C-alpha atoms as a PDB file:
ATOM      1  CA  MET A   1     -85.925  -8.006 -52.921  1.00  0.00           C
ATOM      2  CA  ASN A   2     -84.762 -11.229 -53.330  1.00  0.00           C
ATOM      3  CA  ASN A   3     -81.628 -11.333 -55.745  1.00  0.00           C
ATOM      4  CA  ASP A   4     -81.811 -14.921 -57.057  1.00  0.00           C
ATOM      5  CA  ASN A   5     -82.619 -13.575 -60.361  1.00  0.00           C
ATOM      6  CA  ILE A   6     -79.410 -11.455 -60.516  1.00  0.00           C
ATOM      7  CA  THR A   7     -76.439 -12.757 -62.529  1.00  0.00           C
ATOM      8  CA  ILE A   8     -73.202 -10.887 -62.558  1.00  0.00           C
ATOM      9  CA  ASN A   9     -70.437 -12.274 -64.914  1.00  0.00           C
ATOM     10  CA  ALA A  10     -67.847  -9.508 -64.423  1.00  0.00           C
ATOM     11  CA  THR A  11     -64.521 -10.963 -63.276  1.00  0.00           C
ATOM     12  CA  ILE A  12     -61.851 -12.968 -64.896  1.00  0.00           C
ATOM     13  CA  ILE A  13     -59.757 -14.637 -62.505  1.00  0.00           C
ATOM     14  CA  THR A  14     -56.449 -16.114 -64.493  1.00  0.00           C
ATOM     15  CA  LYS A  15     -53.736 -19.103 -63.786  1.00  0.00           C
ATOM     16  CA  SER A  16     -51.135 -16.485 -63.578  1.00  0.00           C
ATOM     17  CA  GLN A  17     -52.897 -14.486 -60.770  1.00  0.00           C
ATOM     18  CA  LEU A  18     -53.269 -17.741 -58.689  1.00  0.00           C
ATOM     19  CA  ASN A  19     -49.848 -18.629 -59.564  1.00  0.00           C
ATOM     20  CA  ALA A  20     -48.417 -15.092 -58.216  1.00  0.00           C
ATOM     21  CA  ILE A  21     -50.112 -15.608 -55.039  1.00  0.00           C
ATOM     22  CA  GLY A  22     -48.597 -19.065 -54.247  1.00  0.00           C
ATOM     23  CA  ILE A  23     -51.496 -21.294 -55.684  1.00  0.00           C
ATOM     24  CA  LYS A  24     -49.853 -23.880 -57.962  1.00  0.00           C
ATOM     25  CA  LEU A  25     -52.273 -27.011 -59.006  1.00  0.00           C
ATOM     26  CA  PRO A  26     -52.721 -29.084 -61.852  1.00  0.00           C
ATOM     27  CA  ASP A  27     -54.659 -27.557 -64.768  1.00  0.00           C
ATOM     28  CA  ASP A  28     -57.892 -29.533 -63.778  1.00  0.00           C
ATOM     29  CA  GLN A  29     -57.894 -28.335 -60.498  1.00  0.00           C
ATOM     30  CA  ILE A  30     -56.635 -25.001 -61.158  1.00  0.00           C
ATOM     31  CA  GLU A  31     -59.609 -24.390 -63.918  1.00  0.00           C
ATOM     32  CA  ALA A  32     -62.083 -25.581 -61.056  1.00  0.00           C
ATOM     33  CA  LEU A  33     -60.529 -23.118 -58.580  1.00  0.00           C
ATOM     34  CA  ILE A  34     -60.720 -20.544 -60.908  1.00  0.00           C
ATOM     35  CA  GLN A  35     -64.524 -21.104 -61.658  1.00  0.00           C
ATOM     36  CA  HIS A  36     -65.094 -21.351 -58.042  1.00  0.00           C
ATOM     37  CA  VAL A  37     -63.333 -17.902 -57.184  1.00  0.00           C
ATOM     38  CA  GLU A  38     -65.118 -16.338 -60.058  1.00  0.00           C
ATOM     39  CA  ASP A  39     -68.766 -17.572 -58.545  1.00  0.00           C
ATOM     40  CA  THR A  40     -67.602 -16.489 -55.352  1.00  0.00           C
ATOM     41  CA  VAL A  41     -66.591 -13.058 -56.704  1.00  0.00           C
ATOM     42  CA  ASN A  42     -69.731 -12.565 -58.798  1.00  0.00           C
ATOM     43  CA  GLU A  43     -72.216 -13.496 -55.923  1.00  0.00           C
ATOM     44  CA  ARG A  44     -70.486 -10.819 -53.730  1.00  0.00           C
ATOM     45  CA  ILE A  45     -70.660  -8.201 -56.517  1.00  0.00           C
ATOM     46  CA  GLY A  46     -74.245  -9.264 -57.228  1.00  0.00           C
ATOM     47  CA  GLU A  47     -75.263  -8.791 -53.554  1.00  0.00           C
ATOM     48  CA  GLU A  48     -73.437  -5.036 -53.814  1.00  0.00           C
ATOM     49  CA  ILE A  49     -75.290  -4.288 -56.680  1.00  0.00           C
ATOM     50  CA  VAL A  50     -78.695  -5.294 -55.065  1.00  0.00           C
ATOM     51  CA  ASP A  51     -77.752  -3.167 -52.144  1.00  0.00           C
ATOM     52  CA  SER A  52     -76.847  -0.121 -54.499  1.00  0.00           C
ATOM     53  CA  LEU A  53     -80.212  -0.313 -56.401  1.00  0.00           C
ATOM     54  CA  ASP A  54     -83.687   0.996 -55.230  1.00  0.00           C
ATOM     55  CA  ASP A  55     -86.706  -1.417 -55.811  1.00  0.00           C
ATOM     56  CA  ASP A  56     -87.523  -0.078 -59.123  1.00  0.00           C
ATOM     57  CA  GLN A  57     -83.964  -0.286 -60.579  1.00  0.00           C
ATOM     58  CA  LEU A  58     -83.587  -3.757 -59.246  1.00  0.00           C
ATOM     59  CA  LYS A  59     -86.643  -4.719 -60.996  1.00  0.00           C
ATOM     60  CA  ASN A  60     -85.493  -3.289 -64.112  1.00  0.00           C
ATOM     61  CA  LEU A  61     -82.125  -4.713 -63.869  1.00  0.00           C
ATOM     62  CA  VAL A  62     -84.037  -8.315 -63.452  1.00  0.00           C
ATOM     63  CA  ARG A  63     -86.229  -7.507 -66.553  1.00  0.00           C
ATOM     64  CA  LEU A  64     -83.171  -6.534 -68.635  1.00  0.00           C
ATOM     65  CA  GLN A  65     -81.496  -9.746 -67.920  1.00  0.00           C
ATOM     66  CA  ASP A  66     -84.540 -11.958 -68.535  1.00  0.00           C
ATOM     67  CA  SER A  67     -84.803 -10.181 -71.684  1.00  0.00           C
ATOM     68  CA  GLY A  68     -81.773 -12.006 -72.838  1.00  0.00           C
ATOM     69  CA  ALA A  69     -79.719  -8.770 -72.721  1.00  0.00           C
ATOM     70  CA  SER A  70     -75.847  -9.448 -73.399  1.00  0.00           C
ATOM     71  CA  ASP A  71     -73.476  -9.265 -70.587  1.00  0.00           C
ATOM     72  CA  ASN A  72     -72.254  -5.841 -71.988  1.00  0.00           C
ATOM     73  CA  GLU A  73     -75.681  -4.305 -72.297  1.00  0.00           C
ATOM     74  CA  VAL A  74     -76.349  -5.263 -68.452  1.00  0.00           C
ATOM     75  CA  THR A  75     -72.748  -4.214 -67.583  1.00  0.00           C
ATOM     76  CA  GLN A  76     -73.441  -0.788 -69.285  1.00  0.00           C
ATOM     77  CA  TRP A  77     -76.928  -0.346 -67.608  1.00  0.00           C
ATOM     78  CA  ILE A  78     -75.127  -1.147 -64.029  1.00  0.00           C
ATOM     79  CA  LYS A  79     -72.597   1.244 -64.539  1.00  0.00           C
ATOM     80  CA  GLU A  80     -74.865   3.944 -65.604  1.00  0.00           C
ATOM     81  CA  ARG A  81     -76.494   3.506 -62.203  1.00  0.00           C
ATOM     82  CA  ILE A  82     -73.451   2.456 -60.070  1.00  0.00           C
ATOM     83  CA  PRO A  83     -70.699   5.129 -60.727  1.00  0.00           C
ATOM     84  CA  ASP A  84     -68.271   3.011 -58.851  1.00  0.00           C
ATOM     85  CA  TYR A  85     -69.128  -0.156 -60.339  1.00  0.00           C
ATOM     86  CA  ASP A  86     -65.638  -1.039 -61.599  1.00  0.00           C
ATOM     87  CA  GLU A  87     -64.267  -0.146 -57.765  1.00  0.00           C
ATOM     88  CA  ILE A  88     -66.512  -2.680 -56.536  1.00  0.00           C
ATOM     89  CA  ILE A  89     -65.156  -5.330 -59.026  1.00  0.00           C
ATOM     90  CA  GLU A  90     -61.760  -4.697 -58.106  1.00  0.00           C
ATOM     91  CA  ASP A  91     -62.260  -4.713 -54.427  1.00  0.00           C
ATOM     92  CA  ASN A  92     -64.100  -7.857 -54.452  1.00  0.00           C
ATOM     93  CA  VAL A  93     -61.271  -9.460 -56.338  1.00  0.00           C
ATOM     94  CA  ARG A  94     -58.685  -8.413 -53.970  1.00  0.00           C
ATOM     95  CA  ILE A  95     -60.770  -9.530 -51.098  1.00  0.00           C
ATOM     96  CA  VAL A  96     -61.273 -13.137 -52.654  1.00  0.00           C
ATOM     97  CA  LEU A  97     -57.402 -13.498 -53.791  1.00  0.00           C
ATOM     98  CA  GLY A  98     -56.455 -12.276 -50.239  1.00  0.00           C
ATOM     99  CA  GLU A  99     -58.674 -15.031 -48.654  1.00  0.00           C
ATOM    100  CA  LEU A 100     -56.782 -17.467 -51.029  1.00  0.00           C
ATOM    101  CA  VAL A 101     -53.504 -16.119 -50.178  1.00  0.00           C
ATOM    102  CA  GLU A 102     -54.445 -16.825 -46.358  1.00  0.00           C
ATOM    103  CA  ASN A 103     -55.442 -20.368 -47.251  1.00  0.00           C
ATOM    104  CA  SER A 104     -53.015 -20.919 -50.045  1.00  0.00           C
ATOM    105  CA  ASP A 105     -50.999 -23.675 -47.940  1.00  0.00           C
ATOM    106  CA  ALA A 106     -54.272 -25.526 -47.393  1.00  0.00           C
ATOM    107  CA  ILE A 107     -55.187 -25.406 -50.733  1.00  0.00           C
ATOM    108  CA  THR A 108     -51.915 -26.702 -51.966  1.00  0.00           C
ATOM    109  CA  ALA A 109     -51.914 -29.276 -49.296  1.00  0.00           C
ATOM    110  CA  SER A 110     -55.606 -30.564 -49.932  1.00  0.00           C
ATOM    111  CA  ALA A 111     -54.677 -30.735 -53.750  1.00  0.00           C
ATOM    112  CA  SER A 112     -51.485 -32.738 -53.116  1.00  0.00           C
ATOM    113  CA  ASN A 113     -53.785 -35.218 -50.595  1.00  0.00           C
ATOM    114  CA  ALA A 114     -55.941 -35.577 -53.261  1.00  0.00           C
ATOM    115  CA  ASN A 115     -53.411 -37.059 -55.971  1.00  0.00           C
END
């Protein structure tokens, strides 16, 4: 089943997390990077959720989201069906932050060249 309709808003990446891994950028650039990182993490989480649900569950999740359910309601629904949901979030955040660490010099250099 296509997961284009699945929207996951599960992560919160902070400026201090990025600073801790060596990424120090002006506020406007850090905000754009945070948004990009969160979008990436949430996309990966969505893919894992889709892989973890059967077709009926996936249809129900899409229906729930389309009905205007809150993020909390959607999260609760997912947690009831995917017991390791919190671990999926943590793993994906850790993986993406690790990718940023590997590329932090390039990110910082690119930002410096943009100024």
